Amino acid sequence: IAAAIQQGFGAVVGAIGAAGSHPAGPPFL
């Protein structure tokens, strides 16, 4: 689970950046 969460956050951050968007609040699980 630790690796899945770390990799998952990396994928989500990457997708947001690729869309030219930005986070709008704190991350959560």
Full PDB file with SEQRES, HELIX, SHEET, SSBOND, CRYST1, ORIGX, SCALE, CONECT and MASTER records, all heavy atoms in Angstrom:
SEQRES   1 A   29  ILE ALA ALA ALA ILE GLN GLN GLY PHE GLY ALA VAL VAL          
SEQRES   2 A   29  GLY ALA ILE GLY ALA ALA GLY SER HIS PRO ALA GLY PRO          
SEQRES   3 A   29  PRO PHE LEU                                                  
HELIX    1 AA1 ALA A    2  ALA A   18  1                                  17    
CRYST1    1.000    1.000    1.000  90.00  90.00  90.00 P 1           1          
ORIGX1      1.000000  0.000000  0.000000        0.00000                         
ORIGX2      0.000000  1.000000  0.000000        0.00000                         
ORIGX3      0.000000  0.000000  1.000000        0.00000                         
SCALE1      1.000000  0.000000  0.000000        0.00000                         
SCALE2      0.000000  1.000000  0.000000        0.00000                         
SCALE3      0.000000  0.000000  1.000000        0.00000                         
ATOM      1  N   ILE A   1       0.809  -1.219   0.000  1.00  0.00           N  
ATOM      2  CA  ILE A   1       0.000   0.000   0.000  1.00  0.00           C  
ATOM      3  C   ILE A   1       0.842   1.269   0.000  1.00  0.00           C  
ATOM      4  O   ILE A   1       0.508   2.253  -0.673  1.00  0.00           O  
ATOM      5  CB  ILE A   1      -1.001  -0.002   1.181  1.00  0.00           C  
ATOM      6  CG1 ILE A   1      -1.968   1.179   1.028  1.00  0.00           C  
ATOM      7  CG2 ILE A   1      -0.283   0.026   2.526  1.00  0.00           C  
ATOM      8  CD1 ILE A   1      -3.147   1.108   1.941  1.00  0.00           C  
ATOM      9  N   ALA A   2       1.965   1.274   0.715  1.00  0.00           N  
ATOM     10  CA  ALA A   2       2.790   2.486   0.753  1.00  0.00           C  
ATOM     11  C   ALA A   2       3.288   2.838  -0.641  1.00  0.00           C  
ATOM     12  O   ALA A   2       3.218   3.996  -1.074  1.00  0.00           O  
ATOM     13  CB  ALA A   2       3.965   2.300   1.715  1.00  0.00           C  
ATOM     14  N   ALA A   3       3.782   1.837  -1.374  1.00  0.00           N  
ATOM     15  CA  ALA A   3       4.263   2.086  -2.734  1.00  0.00           C  
ATOM     16  C   ALA A   3       3.116   2.478  -3.653  1.00  0.00           C  
ATOM     17  O   ALA A   3       3.261   3.356  -4.510  1.00  0.00           O  
ATOM     18  CB  ALA A   3       4.971   0.846  -3.270  1.00  0.00           C  
ATOM     19  N   ALA A   4       1.940   1.836  -3.475  1.00  0.00           N  
ATOM     20  CA  ALA A   4       0.787   2.153  -4.319  1.00  0.00           C  
ATOM     21  C   ALA A   4       0.350   3.600  -4.131  1.00  0.00           C  
ATOM     22  O   ALA A   4       0.026   4.302  -5.098  1.00  0.00           O  
ATOM     23  CB  ALA A   4      -0.367   1.204  -4.003  1.00  0.00           C  
ATOM     24  N   ILE A   5       0.362   4.066  -2.883  1.00  0.00           N  
ATOM     25  CA  ILE A   5      -0.042   5.440  -2.603  1.00  0.00           C  
ATOM     26  C   ILE A   5       0.982   6.422  -3.178  1.00  0.00           C  
ATOM     27  O   ILE A   5       0.618   7.420  -3.814  1.00  0.00           O  
ATOM     28  CB  ILE A   5      -0.216   5.645  -1.091  1.00  0.00           C  
ATOM     29  CG1 ILE A   5      -1.451   4.881  -0.600  1.00  0.00           C  
ATOM     30  CG2 ILE A   5      -0.339   7.129  -0.750  1.00  0.00           C  
ATOM     31  CD1 ILE A   5      -1.604   4.853   0.907  1.00  0.00           C  
ATOM     32  N   GLN A   6       2.259   6.141  -2.952  1.00  0.00           N  
ATOM     33  CA  GLN A   6       3.304   7.029  -3.469  1.00  0.00           C  
ATOM     34  C   GLN A   6       3.241   7.132  -4.986  1.00  0.00           C  
ATOM     35  O   GLN A   6       3.272   8.232  -5.561  1.00  0.00           O  
ATOM     36  CB  GLN A   6       4.675   6.532  -3.023  1.00  0.00           C  
ATOM     37  CG  GLN A   6       5.825   7.432  -3.464  1.00  0.00           C  
ATOM     38  CD  GLN A   6       7.174   6.902  -2.996  1.00  0.00           C  
ATOM     39  OE1 GLN A   6       7.326   5.729  -2.679  1.00  0.00           O  
ATOM     40  NE2 GLN A   6       8.163   7.768  -2.945  1.00  0.00           N  
ATOM     41  N   GLN A   7       3.152   5.984  -5.653  1.00  0.00           N  
ATOM     42  CA  GLN A   7       3.078   5.989  -7.106  1.00  0.00           C  
ATOM     43  C   GLN A   7       1.778   6.623  -7.588  1.00  0.00           C  
ATOM     44  O   GLN A   7       1.752   7.331  -8.603  1.00  0.00           O  
ATOM     45  CB  GLN A   7       3.206   4.563  -7.631  1.00  0.00           C  
ATOM     46  CG  GLN A   7       4.574   3.944  -7.365  1.00  0.00           C  
ATOM     47  CD  GLN A   7       4.591   2.440  -7.572  1.00  0.00           C  
ATOM     48  OE1 GLN A   7       3.589   1.843  -7.980  1.00  0.00           O  
ATOM     49  NE2 GLN A   7       5.725   1.810  -7.281  1.00  0.00           N  
ATOM     50  N   GLY A   8       0.686   6.377  -6.844  1.00  0.00           N  
ATOM     51  CA  GLY A   8      -0.597   6.937  -7.228  1.00  0.00           C  
ATOM     52  C   GLY A   8      -0.607   8.452  -7.164  1.00  0.00           C  
ATOM     53  O   GLY A   8      -1.100   9.121  -8.088  1.00  0.00           O  
ATOM     54  N   PHE A   9      -0.061   9.007  -6.096  1.00  0.00           N  
ATOM     55  CA  PHE A   9       0.010  10.464  -6.002  1.00  0.00           C  
ATOM     56  C   PHE A   9       0.874  11.032  -7.128  1.00  0.00           C  
ATOM     57  O   PHE A   9       0.558  12.080  -7.706  1.00  0.00           O  
ATOM     58  CB  PHE A   9       0.544  10.900  -4.642  1.00  0.00           C  
ATOM     59  CG  PHE A   9      -0.530  11.080  -3.601  1.00  0.00           C  
ATOM     60  CD1 PHE A   9      -0.482  10.387  -2.397  1.00  0.00           C  
ATOM     61  CD2 PHE A   9      -1.588  11.946  -3.815  1.00  0.00           C  
ATOM     62  CE1 PHE A   9      -1.471  10.549  -1.443  1.00  0.00           C  
ATOM     63  CE2 PHE A   9      -2.587  12.124  -2.864  1.00  0.00           C  
ATOM     64  CZ  PHE A   9      -2.532  11.414  -1.676  1.00  0.00           C  
ATOM     65  N   GLY A  10       1.966  10.327  -7.449  1.00  0.00           N  
ATOM     66  CA  GLY A  10       2.804  10.787  -8.552  1.00  0.00           C  
ATOM     67  C   GLY A  10       2.040  10.821  -9.866  1.00  0.00           C  
ATOM     68  O   GLY A  10       2.158  11.773 -10.649  1.00  0.00           O  
ATOM     69  N   ALA A  11       1.221   9.784 -10.108  1.00  0.00           N  
ATOM     70  CA  ALA A  11       0.439   9.729 -11.344  1.00  0.00           C  
ATOM     71  C   ALA A  11      -0.614  10.825 -11.383  1.00  0.00           C  
ATOM     72  O   ALA A  11      -0.834  11.453 -12.427  1.00  0.00           O  
ATOM     73  CB  ALA A  11      -0.225   8.357 -11.475  1.00  0.00           C  
ATOM     74  N   VAL A  12      -1.271  11.082 -10.243  1.00  0.00           N  
ATOM     75  CA  VAL A  12      -2.316  12.106 -10.214  1.00  0.00           C  
ATOM     76  C   VAL A  12      -1.707  13.497 -10.401  1.00  0.00           C  
ATOM     77  O   VAL A  12      -2.218  14.316 -11.176  1.00  0.00           O  
ATOM     78  CB  VAL A  12      -3.122  12.033  -8.897  1.00  0.00           C  
ATOM     79  CG1 VAL A  12      -4.132  13.180  -8.815  1.00  0.00           C  
ATOM     80  CG2 VAL A  12      -3.854  10.699  -8.795  1.00  0.00           C  
ATOM     81  N   VAL A  13      -0.612  13.770  -9.708  1.00  0.00           N  
ATOM     82  CA  VAL A  13       0.063  15.065  -9.875  1.00  0.00           C  
ATOM     83  C   VAL A  13       0.505  15.253 -11.320  1.00  0.00           C  
ATOM     84  O   VAL A  13       0.360  16.339 -11.909  1.00  0.00           O  
ATOM     85  CB  VAL A  13       1.264  15.171  -8.918  1.00  0.00           C  
ATOM     86  CG1 VAL A  13       2.132  16.377  -9.260  1.00  0.00           C  
ATOM     87  CG2 VAL A  13       0.784  15.276  -7.473  1.00  0.00           C  
ATOM     88  N   GLY A  14       1.034  14.189 -11.930  1.00  0.00           N  
ATOM     89  CA  GLY A  14       1.465  14.282 -13.313  1.00  0.00           C  
ATOM     90  C   GLY A  14       0.318  14.574 -14.261  1.00  0.00           C  
ATOM     91  O   GLY A  14       0.459  15.380 -15.203  1.00  0.00           O  
ATOM     92  N   ALA A  15      -0.838  13.940 -14.028  1.00  0.00           N  
ATOM     93  CA  ALA A  15      -1.997  14.170 -14.892  1.00  0.00           C  
ATOM     94  C   ALA A  15      -2.508  15.600 -14.748  1.00  0.00           C  
ATOM     95  O   ALA A  15      -2.887  16.237 -15.739  1.00  0.00           O  
ATOM     96  CB  ALA A  15      -3.099  13.172 -14.553  1.00  0.00           C  
ATOM     97  N   ILE A  16      -2.513  16.112 -13.513  1.00  0.00           N  
ATOM     98  CA  ILE A  16      -2.962  17.495 -13.294  1.00  0.00           C  
ATOM     99  C   ILE A  16      -2.034  18.468 -14.018  1.00  0.00           C  
ATOM    100  O   ILE A  16      -2.478  19.415 -14.677  1.00  0.00           O  
ATOM    101  CB  ILE A  16      -3.018  17.803 -11.784  1.00  0.00           C  
ATOM    102  CG1 ILE A  16      -4.110  16.971 -11.118  1.00  0.00           C  
ATOM    103  CG2 ILE A  16      -3.272  19.292 -11.542  1.00  0.00           C  
ATOM    104  CD1 ILE A  16      -4.119  17.070  -9.595  1.00  0.00           C  
ATOM    105  N   GLY A  17      -0.736  18.232 -13.905  1.00  0.00           N  
ATOM    106  CA  GLY A  17       0.223  19.093 -14.590  1.00  0.00           C  
ATOM    107  C   GLY A  17       0.075  19.025 -16.093  1.00  0.00           C  
ATOM    108  O   GLY A  17       0.156  20.054 -16.788  1.00  0.00           O  
ATOM    109  N   ALA A  18      -0.146  17.819 -16.631  1.00  0.00           N  
ATOM    110  CA  ALA A  18      -0.306  17.667 -18.075  1.00  0.00           C  
ATOM    111  C   ALA A  18      -1.545  18.389 -18.588  1.00  0.00           C  
ATOM    112  O   ALA A  18      -1.595  18.808 -19.749  1.00  0.00           O  
ATOM    113  CB  ALA A  18      -0.374  16.180 -18.441  1.00  0.00           C  
ATOM    114  N   ALA A  19      -2.547  18.540 -17.721  1.00  0.00           N  
ATOM    115  CA  ALA A  19      -3.771  19.234 -18.107  1.00  0.00           C  
ATOM    116  C   ALA A  19      -3.633  20.747 -17.973  1.00  0.00           C  
ATOM    117  O   ALA A  19      -4.564  21.483 -18.318  1.00  0.00           O  
ATOM    118  CB  ALA A  19      -4.937  18.745 -17.251  1.00  0.00           C  
ATOM    119  N   GLY A  20      -2.485  21.213 -17.466  1.00  0.00           N  
ATOM    120  CA  GLY A  20      -2.305  22.642 -17.240  1.00  0.00           C  
ATOM    121  C   GLY A  20      -3.145  23.166 -16.095  1.00  0.00           C  
ATOM    122  O   GLY A  20      -3.423  24.363 -16.008  1.00  0.00           O  
ATOM    123  N   SER A  21      -3.537  22.258 -15.202  1.00  0.00           N  
ATOM    124  CA  SER A  21      -4.359  22.645 -14.060  1.00  0.00           C  
ATOM    125  C   SER A  21      -3.499  22.705 -12.805  1.00  0.00           C  
ATOM    126  O   SER A  21      -2.263  22.657 -12.876  1.00  0.00           O  
ATOM    127  CB  SER A  21      -5.514  21.647 -13.887  1.00  0.00           C  
ATOM    128  OG  SER A  21      -6.430  22.090 -12.896  1.00  0.00           O  
ATOM    129  N   HIS A  22      -4.142  22.765 -11.641  1.00  0.00           N  
ATOM    130  CA  HIS A  22      -3.406  22.886 -10.383  1.00  0.00           C  
ATOM    131  C   HIS A  22      -4.276  22.354  -9.251  1.00  0.00           C  
ATOM    132  O   HIS A  22      -5.506  22.325  -9.353  1.00  0.00           O  
ATOM    133  CB  HIS A  22      -3.047  24.353 -10.118  1.00  0.00           C  
ATOM    134  CG  HIS A  22      -4.253  25.251 -10.084  1.00  0.00           C  
ATOM    135  ND1 HIS A  22      -5.022  25.436  -8.962  1.00  0.00           N  
ATOM    136  CD2 HIS A  22      -4.830  26.012 -11.063  1.00  0.00           C  
ATOM    137  CE1 HIS A  22      -6.016  26.262  -9.229  1.00  0.00           C  
ATOM    138  NE2 HIS A  22      -5.929  26.634 -10.500  1.00  0.00           N  
ATOM    139  N   PRO A  23      -3.659  21.904  -8.147  1.00  0.00           N  
ATOM    140  CA  PRO A  23      -4.450  21.457  -6.997  1.00  0.00           C  
ATOM    141  C   PRO A  23      -5.290  22.596  -6.427  1.00  0.00           C  
ATOM    142  O   PRO A  23      -4.869  23.745  -6.414  1.00  0.00           O  
ATOM    143  CB  PRO A  23      -3.392  20.987  -5.993  1.00  0.00           C  
ATOM    144  CG  PRO A  23      -2.190  20.678  -6.833  1.00  0.00           C  
ATOM    145  CD  PRO A  23      -2.216  21.682  -7.951  1.00  0.00           C  
ATOM    146  N   ALA A  24      -6.489  22.245  -5.947  1.00  0.00           N  
ATOM    147  CA  ALA A  24      -7.391  23.246  -5.386  1.00  0.00           C  
ATOM    148  C   ALA A  24      -7.735  22.940  -3.932  1.00  0.00           C  
ATOM    149  O   ALA A  24      -8.738  23.441  -3.405  1.00  0.00           O  
ATOM    150  CB  ALA A  24      -8.674  23.327  -6.216  1.00  0.00           C  
ATOM    151  N   GLY A  25      -6.906  22.140  -3.274  1.00  0.00           N  
ATOM    152  CA  GLY A  25      -7.143  21.796  -1.881  1.00  0.00           C  
ATOM    153  C   GLY A  25      -6.196  20.714  -1.449  1.00  0.00           C  
ATOM    154  O   GLY A  25      -5.414  20.183  -2.260  1.00  0.00           O  
ATOM    155  N   PRO A  26      -6.217  20.351  -0.172  1.00  0.00           N  
ATOM    156  CA  PRO A  26      -5.290  19.336   0.323  1.00  0.00           C  
ATOM    157  C   PRO A  26      -5.597  17.954  -0.248  1.00  0.00           C  
ATOM    158  O   PRO A  26      -6.768  17.599  -0.454  1.00  0.00           O  
ATOM    159  CB  PRO A  26      -5.498  19.368   1.844  1.00  0.00           C  
ATOM    160  CG  PRO A  26      -6.867  19.927   2.030  1.00  0.00           C  
ATOM    161  CD  PRO A  26      -7.079  20.891   0.901  1.00  0.00           C  
ATOM    162  N   PRO A  27      -4.573  17.154  -0.505  1.00  0.00           N  
ATOM    163  CA  PRO A  27      -4.795  15.800  -1.030  1.00  0.00           C  
ATOM    164  C   PRO A  27      -5.408  14.908   0.039  1.00  0.00           C  
ATOM    165  O   PRO A  27      -5.281  15.159   1.239  1.00  0.00           O  
ATOM    166  CB  PRO A  27      -3.385  15.346  -1.398  1.00  0.00           C  
ATOM    167  CG  PRO A  27      -2.496  16.101  -0.478  1.00  0.00           C  
ATOM    168  CD  PRO A  27      -3.146  17.437  -0.283  1.00  0.00           C  
ATOM    169  N   PHE A  28      -6.064  13.847  -0.417  1.00  0.00           N  
ATOM    170  CA  PHE A  28      -6.619  12.902   0.553  1.00  0.00           C  
ATOM    171  C   PHE A  28      -6.751  11.520  -0.064  1.00  0.00           C  
ATOM    172  O   PHE A  28      -6.654  11.340  -1.292  1.00  0.00           O  
ATOM    173  CB  PHE A  28      -7.958  13.387   1.114  1.00  0.00           C  
ATOM    174  CG  PHE A  28      -9.067  13.583   0.108  1.00  0.00           C  
ATOM    175  CD1 PHE A  28     -10.002  12.587  -0.135  1.00  0.00           C  
ATOM    176  CD2 PHE A  28      -9.208  14.791  -0.573  1.00  0.00           C  
ATOM    177  CE1 PHE A  28     -11.041  12.768  -1.027  1.00  0.00           C  
ATOM    178  CE2 PHE A  28     -10.251  14.993  -1.466  1.00  0.00           C  
ATOM    179  CZ  PHE A  28     -11.171  13.978  -1.701  1.00  0.00           C  
ATOM    180  N   LEU A  29      -6.950  10.550   0.796  1.00  0.00           N  
ATOM    181  CA  LEU A  29      -7.179   9.164   0.403  1.00  0.00           C  
ATOM    182  C   LEU A  29      -8.575   8.746   0.828  1.00  0.00           C  
ATOM    183  O   LEU A  29      -9.081   9.194   1.864  1.00  0.00           O  
ATOM    184  CB  LEU A  29      -6.173   8.221   1.067  1.00  0.00           C  
ATOM    185  CG  LEU A  29      -4.695   8.412   0.771  1.00  0.00           C  
ATOM    186  CD1 LEU A  29      -3.881   7.420   1.596  1.00  0.00           C  
ATOM    187  CD2 LEU A  29      -4.399   8.238  -0.706  1.00  0.00           C  
TER     188      LEU A  29                                                      
MASTER        0    0    0    1    0    0    0    6  187    1    0    3          
END                                                                             
